[in-house]
Amino acid sequence: MDALKTPRITDPDGFYAELLGAHEGMSEADSHAMNARLVLLLANAVGDRGVLSEAIALAKKAGG
């Protein structure tokens, strides 16, 4: 899906820095737990099951 591949974040570097900063001082387990919560919050905001399934497939492919 092109919508998932088209950059839409107005300040991607700032967002990335904020995301990394949110993990500072956390244990690995706490960091993973926060990522899981963030994924669920963002998935709820997206809301479209088809888009979410496509995102899962793209993320899995990118990691392999």
C-alpha atoms as a PDB file:
ATOM      1  CA  MET A   1       0.000   0.000   0.000  1.00  0.00           C
ATOM      2  CA  ASP A   2       1.496   3.296  -1.092  1.00  0.00           C
ATOM      3  CA  ALA A   3       0.063   5.195   1.888  1.00  0.00           C
ATOM      4  CA  LEU A   4       2.352   3.221   4.174  1.00  0.00           C
ATOM      5  CA  LYS A   5       5.432   3.982   2.082  1.00  0.00           C
ATOM      6  CA  THR A   6       4.804   7.698   1.491  1.00  0.00           C
ATOM      7  CA  PRO A   7       6.533   9.917   4.090  1.00  0.00           C
ATOM      8  CA  ARG A   8       3.914  11.918   6.006  1.00  0.00           C
ATOM      9  CA  ILE A   9       5.693  12.950   9.203  1.00  0.00           C
ATOM     10  CA  THR A  10       6.536  16.639   8.931  1.00  0.00           C
ATOM     11  CA  ASP A  11       9.633  16.356  11.146  1.00  0.00           C
ATOM     12  CA  PRO A  12      10.888  12.757  10.881  1.00  0.00           C
ATOM     13  CA  ASP A  13      14.258  13.499  12.492  1.00  0.00           C
ATOM     14  CA  GLY A  14      12.586  15.256  15.411  1.00  0.00           C
ATOM     15  CA  PHE A  15      10.126  12.397  15.832  1.00  0.00           C
ATOM     16  CA  TYR A  16      12.946   9.845  15.762  1.00  0.00           C
ATOM     17  CA  ALA A  17      14.894  11.820  18.367  1.00  0.00           C
ATOM     18  CA  GLU A  18      11.787  12.037  20.569  1.00  0.00           C
ATOM     19  CA  LEU A  19      11.181   8.306  20.210  1.00  0.00           C
ATOM     20  CA  LEU A  20      14.771   7.465  21.135  1.00  0.00           C
ATOM     21  CA  GLY A  21      14.666   9.934  24.018  1.00  0.00           C
ATOM     22  CA  ALA A  22      11.554   8.273  25.411  1.00  0.00           C
ATOM     23  CA  HIS A  23      13.580   5.076  25.833  1.00  0.00           C
ATOM     24  CA  GLU A  24      16.489   6.678  27.701  1.00  0.00           C
ATOM     25  CA  GLY A  25      17.101   5.136  31.086  1.00  0.00           C
ATOM     26  CA  MET A  26      14.729   2.215  30.478  1.00  0.00           C
ATOM     27  CA  SER A  27      15.667  -1.399  30.832  1.00  0.00           C
ATOM     28  CA  GLU A  28      15.423  -3.487  27.684  1.00  0.00           C
ATOM     29  CA  ALA A  29      12.215  -5.096  28.980  1.00  0.00           C
ATOM     30  CA  ASP A  30      10.641  -1.709  29.771  1.00  0.00           C
ATOM     31  CA  SER A  31      11.680  -0.403  26.352  1.00  0.00           C
ATOM     32  CA  HIS A  32      10.049  -3.375  24.613  1.00  0.00           C
ATOM     33  CA  ALA A  33       6.903  -2.928  26.708  1.00  0.00           C
ATOM     34  CA  MET A  34       6.716   0.756  25.807  1.00  0.00           C
ATOM     35  CA  ASN A  35       7.125  -0.080  22.110  1.00  0.00           C
ATOM     36  CA  ALA A  36       4.275  -2.584  22.386  1.00  0.00           C
ATOM     37  CA  ARG A  37       2.023   0.010  24.033  1.00  0.00           C
ATOM     38  CA  LEU A  38       2.951   2.569  21.389  1.00  0.00           C
ATOM     39  CA  VAL A  39       2.163   0.124  18.574  1.00  0.00           C
ATOM     40  CA  LEU A  40      -1.258  -0.605  20.084  1.00  0.00           C
ATOM     41  CA  LEU A  41      -2.041   3.102  20.539  1.00  0.00           C
ATOM     42  CA  LEU A  42      -1.040   3.907  16.966  1.00  0.00           C
ATOM     43  CA  ALA A  43      -2.922   0.878  15.624  1.00  0.00           C
ATOM     44  CA  ASN A  44      -6.030   2.112  17.395  1.00  0.00           C
ATOM     45  CA  ALA A  45      -5.544   5.564  15.850  1.00  0.00           C
ATOM     46  CA  VAL A  46      -5.216   4.029  12.357  1.00  0.00           C
ATOM     47  CA  GLY A  47      -8.193   1.795  12.943  1.00  0.00           C
ATOM     48  CA  ASP A  48      -8.331   0.225   9.473  1.00  0.00           C
ATOM     49  CA  ARG A  49      -7.678  -3.510   9.804  1.00  0.00           C
ATOM     50  CA  GLY A  50      -6.509  -3.821   6.194  1.00  0.00           C
ATOM     51  CA  VAL A  51      -3.960  -1.034   6.625  1.00  0.00           C
ATOM     52  CA  LEU A  52      -2.741  -2.616   9.861  1.00  0.00           C
ATOM     53  CA  SER A  53      -2.312  -6.017   8.209  1.00  0.00           C
ATOM     54  CA  GLU A  54      -0.364  -4.415   5.360  1.00  0.00           C
ATOM     55  CA  ALA A  55       1.832  -2.580   7.859  1.00  0.00           C
ATOM     56  CA  ILE A  56       2.599  -5.830   9.657  1.00  0.00           C
ATOM     57  CA  ALA A  57       3.548  -7.491   6.372  1.00  0.00           C
ATOM     58  CA  LEU A  58       5.768  -4.568   5.333  1.00  0.00           C
ATOM     59  CA  ALA A  59       7.503  -4.407   8.710  1.00  0.00           C
ATOM     60  CA  LYS A  60       8.111  -8.152   8.707  1.00  0.00           C
ATOM     61  CA  LYS A  61       9.524  -8.030   5.171  1.00  0.00           C
ATOM     62  CA  ALA A  62      11.789  -5.053   6.000  1.00  0.00           C
ATOM     63  CA  GLY A  63      13.257  -6.909   8.975  1.00  0.00           C
ATOM     64  CA  GLY A  64      14.170 -10.013   7.029  1.00  0.00           C
END
